[in-house]
Amino acid sequence: MFNYIDPVEAAPDNYKLLSEEGNVRVIEMSLKPGEIDNEHSHQTETVYFMQGGKVHIHLPDGTSMEADIPDGHVMHHDPWTHRVENIGDTHVKAIIFEIMP
């Protein structure tokens, strides 16, 4: 069973709830260069990166991956838990649309 860790509660400096209606949540993500957020989850999500950058994504099993995300990139992802580290020199900003169960 997926154990959801609310990003707004887990990392309030990086995630702000913009809207919640029915089963749809809209969250703003902001991660300055050198910042790493706290472990959190997302339900099925679509993410729009207003400002991209270079990030290192840490997964709970100890694995990780790097991504160089361009401005305007759209990502779709199934439910997951992770931490995001901004290893670039740009302020990463995104809007996350979560479909809650």
C-alpha atoms as a PDB file:
ATOM      1  CA  MET A   1       0.000   0.000   0.000  1.00  0.00           C
ATOM      2  CA  PHE A   2       1.269   3.481  -0.913  1.00  0.00           C
ATOM      3  CA  ASN A   3       2.034   5.590   2.176  1.00  0.00           C
ATOM      4  CA  TYR A   4       1.353   9.181   1.064  1.00  0.00           C
ATOM      5  CA  ILE A   5       3.529  11.898   2.663  1.00  0.00           C
ATOM      6  CA  ASP A   6       1.885  15.270   1.933  1.00  0.00           C
ATOM      7  CA  PRO A   7       4.516  17.586   0.359  1.00  0.00           C
ATOM      8  CA  VAL A   8       2.792  20.697   1.731  1.00  0.00           C
ATOM      9  CA  GLU A   9       3.155  19.347   5.285  1.00  0.00           C
ATOM     10  CA  ALA A  10       6.552  17.642   4.838  1.00  0.00           C
ATOM     11  CA  ALA A  11       8.307  20.543   3.080  1.00  0.00           C
ATOM     12  CA  PRO A  12       6.276  23.736   3.588  1.00  0.00           C
ATOM     13  CA  ASP A  13       9.218  25.933   2.525  1.00  0.00           C
ATOM     14  CA  ASN A  14       9.125  24.323  -0.919  1.00  0.00           C
ATOM     15  CA  TYR A  15       5.466  23.350  -1.520  1.00  0.00           C
ATOM     16  CA  LYS A  16       2.405  25.606  -1.299  1.00  0.00           C
ATOM     17  CA  LEU A  17      -1.172  24.415  -1.791  1.00  0.00           C
ATOM     18  CA  LEU A  18      -2.805  26.686  -4.385  1.00  0.00           C
ATOM     19  CA  SER A  19      -6.125  24.899  -4.813  1.00  0.00           C
ATOM     20  CA  GLU A  20      -7.960  21.791  -3.715  1.00  0.00           C
ATOM     21  CA  GLU A  21     -11.295  20.922  -5.273  1.00  0.00           C
ATOM     22  CA  GLY A  22     -12.814  17.473  -5.378  1.00  0.00           C
ATOM     23  CA  ASN A  23      -9.959  15.036  -5.930  1.00  0.00           C
ATOM     24  CA  VAL A  24      -7.614  17.537  -7.641  1.00  0.00           C
ATOM     25  CA  ARG A  25      -4.866  19.398  -5.778  1.00  0.00           C
ATOM     26  CA  VAL A  26      -2.751  22.140  -7.350  1.00  0.00           C
ATOM     27  CA  ILE A  27       0.590  22.709  -5.622  1.00  0.00           C
ATOM     28  CA  GLU A  28       3.355  25.220  -6.331  1.00  0.00           C
ATOM     29  CA  MET A  29       6.918  23.903  -5.968  1.00  0.00           C
ATOM     30  CA  SER A  30       9.907  26.181  -5.479  1.00  0.00           C
ATOM     31  CA  LEU A  31      13.475  24.953  -5.003  1.00  0.00           C
ATOM     32  CA  LYS A  32      16.400  27.383  -4.910  1.00  0.00           C
ATOM     33  CA  PRO A  33      19.906  26.390  -6.065  1.00  0.00           C
ATOM     34  CA  GLY A  34      21.550  24.142  -3.461  1.00  0.00           C
ATOM     35  CA  GLU A  35      18.261  23.357  -1.684  1.00  0.00           C
ATOM     36  CA  ILE A  36      16.988  19.861  -0.969  1.00  0.00           C
ATOM     37  CA  ASP A  37      13.411  19.291   0.130  1.00  0.00           C
ATOM     38  CA  ASN A  38      12.179  16.788   2.714  1.00  0.00           C
ATOM     39  CA  GLU A  39      10.976  13.338   1.725  1.00  0.00           C
ATOM     40  CA  HIS A  40       7.428  13.564   0.396  1.00  0.00           C
ATOM     41  CA  SER A  41       5.023  11.853  -1.988  1.00  0.00           C
ATOM     42  CA  HIS A  42       2.786  12.656  -4.893  1.00  0.00           C
ATOM     43  CA  GLN A  43      -0.296  10.830  -6.019  1.00  0.00           C
ATOM     44  CA  THR A  44      -0.706  10.464  -9.782  1.00  0.00           C
ATOM     45  CA  GLU A  45       0.647  13.795 -10.984  1.00  0.00           C
ATOM     46  CA  THR A  46       1.224  16.074 -13.915  1.00  0.00           C
ATOM     47  CA  VAL A  47       3.959  18.664 -13.378  1.00  0.00           C
ATOM     48  CA  TYR A  48       4.548  21.827 -15.420  1.00  0.00           C
ATOM     49  CA  PHE A  49       8.016  23.326 -14.928  1.00  0.00           C
ATOM     50  CA  MET A  50       7.777  27.098 -15.275  1.00  0.00           C
ATOM     51  CA  GLN A  51      11.532  27.274 -14.615  1.00  0.00           C
ATOM     52  CA  GLY A  52      13.569  24.127 -15.016  1.00  0.00           C
ATOM     53  CA  GLY A  53      17.032  23.251 -13.855  1.00  0.00           C
ATOM     54  CA  LYS A  54      19.360  20.450 -12.896  1.00  0.00           C
ATOM     55  CA  VAL A  55      18.024  18.230 -10.102  1.00  0.00           C
ATOM     56  CA  HIS A  56      19.057  15.087  -8.262  1.00  0.00           C
ATOM     57  CA  ILE A  57      16.099  12.907  -7.248  1.00  0.00           C
ATOM     58  CA  HIS A  58      16.617  10.663  -4.208  1.00  0.00           C
ATOM     59  CA  LEU A  59      14.347   7.614  -3.823  1.00  0.00           C
ATOM     60  CA  PRO A  60      13.552   5.859  -0.509  1.00  0.00           C
ATOM     61  CA  ASP A  61      15.376   2.672  -1.563  1.00  0.00           C
ATOM     62  CA  GLY A  62      18.677   4.562  -1.764  1.00  0.00           C
ATOM     63  CA  THR A  63      18.768   4.869  -5.544  1.00  0.00           C
ATOM     64  CA  SER A  64      18.846   8.235  -7.254  1.00  0.00           C
ATOM     65  CA  MET A  65      18.816   9.885 -10.648  1.00  0.00           C
ATOM     66  CA  GLU A  66      19.746  13.228 -12.167  1.00  0.00           C
ATOM     67  CA  ALA A  67      17.633  15.200 -14.586  1.00  0.00           C
ATOM     68  CA  ASP A  68      18.215  18.398 -16.521  1.00  0.00           C
ATOM     69  CA  ILE A  69      14.695  19.778 -16.850  1.00  0.00           C
ATOM     70  CA  PRO A  70      14.059  22.463 -19.488  1.00  0.00           C
ATOM     71  CA  ASP A  71      11.749  25.424 -18.929  1.00  0.00           C
ATOM     72  CA  GLY A  72       8.210  24.509 -19.999  1.00  0.00           C
ATOM     73  CA  HIS A  73       8.707  20.755 -19.569  1.00  0.00           C
ATOM     74  CA  VAL A  74       5.616  18.694 -18.658  1.00  0.00           C
ATOM     75  CA  MET A  75       6.051  15.452 -16.719  1.00  0.00           C
ATOM     76  CA  HIS A  76       3.495  12.772 -15.845  1.00  0.00           C
ATOM     77  CA  HIS A  77       4.181  10.312 -13.026  1.00  0.00           C
ATOM     78  CA  ASP A  78       2.441   7.559 -11.090  1.00  0.00           C
ATOM     79  CA  PRO A  79       2.341   7.801  -7.262  1.00  0.00           C
ATOM     80  CA  TRP A  80       5.823   7.955  -5.735  1.00  0.00           C
ATOM     81  CA  THR A  81       7.908   9.118  -2.784  1.00  0.00           C
ATOM     82  CA  HIS A  82      11.198  11.019  -3.157  1.00  0.00           C
ATOM     83  CA  ARG A  83      13.358  14.021  -2.241  1.00  0.00           C
ATOM     84  CA  VAL A  84      14.464  16.607  -4.803  1.00  0.00           C
ATOM     85  CA  GLU A  85      17.829  18.352  -4.632  1.00  0.00           C
ATOM     86  CA  ASN A  86      18.532  21.380  -6.824  1.00  0.00           C
ATOM     87  CA  ILE A  87      22.114  20.837  -7.999  1.00  0.00           C
ATOM     88  CA  GLY A  88      21.994  23.534 -10.658  1.00  0.00           C
ATOM     89  CA  ASP A  89      22.269  27.301 -10.565  1.00  0.00           C
ATOM     90  CA  THR A  90      18.661  28.174 -11.430  1.00  0.00           C
ATOM     91  CA  HIS A  91      15.618  28.477  -9.178  1.00  0.00           C
ATOM     92  CA  VAL A  92      13.366  25.524 -10.120  1.00  0.00           C
ATOM     93  CA  LYS A  93       9.656  26.398 -10.090  1.00  0.00           C
ATOM     94  CA  ALA A  94       6.780  24.101 -11.003  1.00  0.00           C
ATOM     95  CA  ILE A  95       3.037  23.676 -10.743  1.00  0.00           C
ATOM     96  CA  ILE A  96       1.957  20.168  -9.695  1.00  0.00           C
ATOM     97  CA  PHE A  97      -1.504  18.781 -10.429  1.00  0.00           C
ATOM     98  CA  GLU A  98      -2.226  15.765  -8.207  1.00  0.00           C
ATOM     99  CA  ILE A  99      -5.173  13.419  -8.660  1.00  0.00           C
ATOM    100  CA  MET A 100      -6.086  12.256  -5.156  1.00  0.00           C
ATOM    101  CA  PRO A 101      -7.797   8.884  -4.598  1.00  0.00           C
END
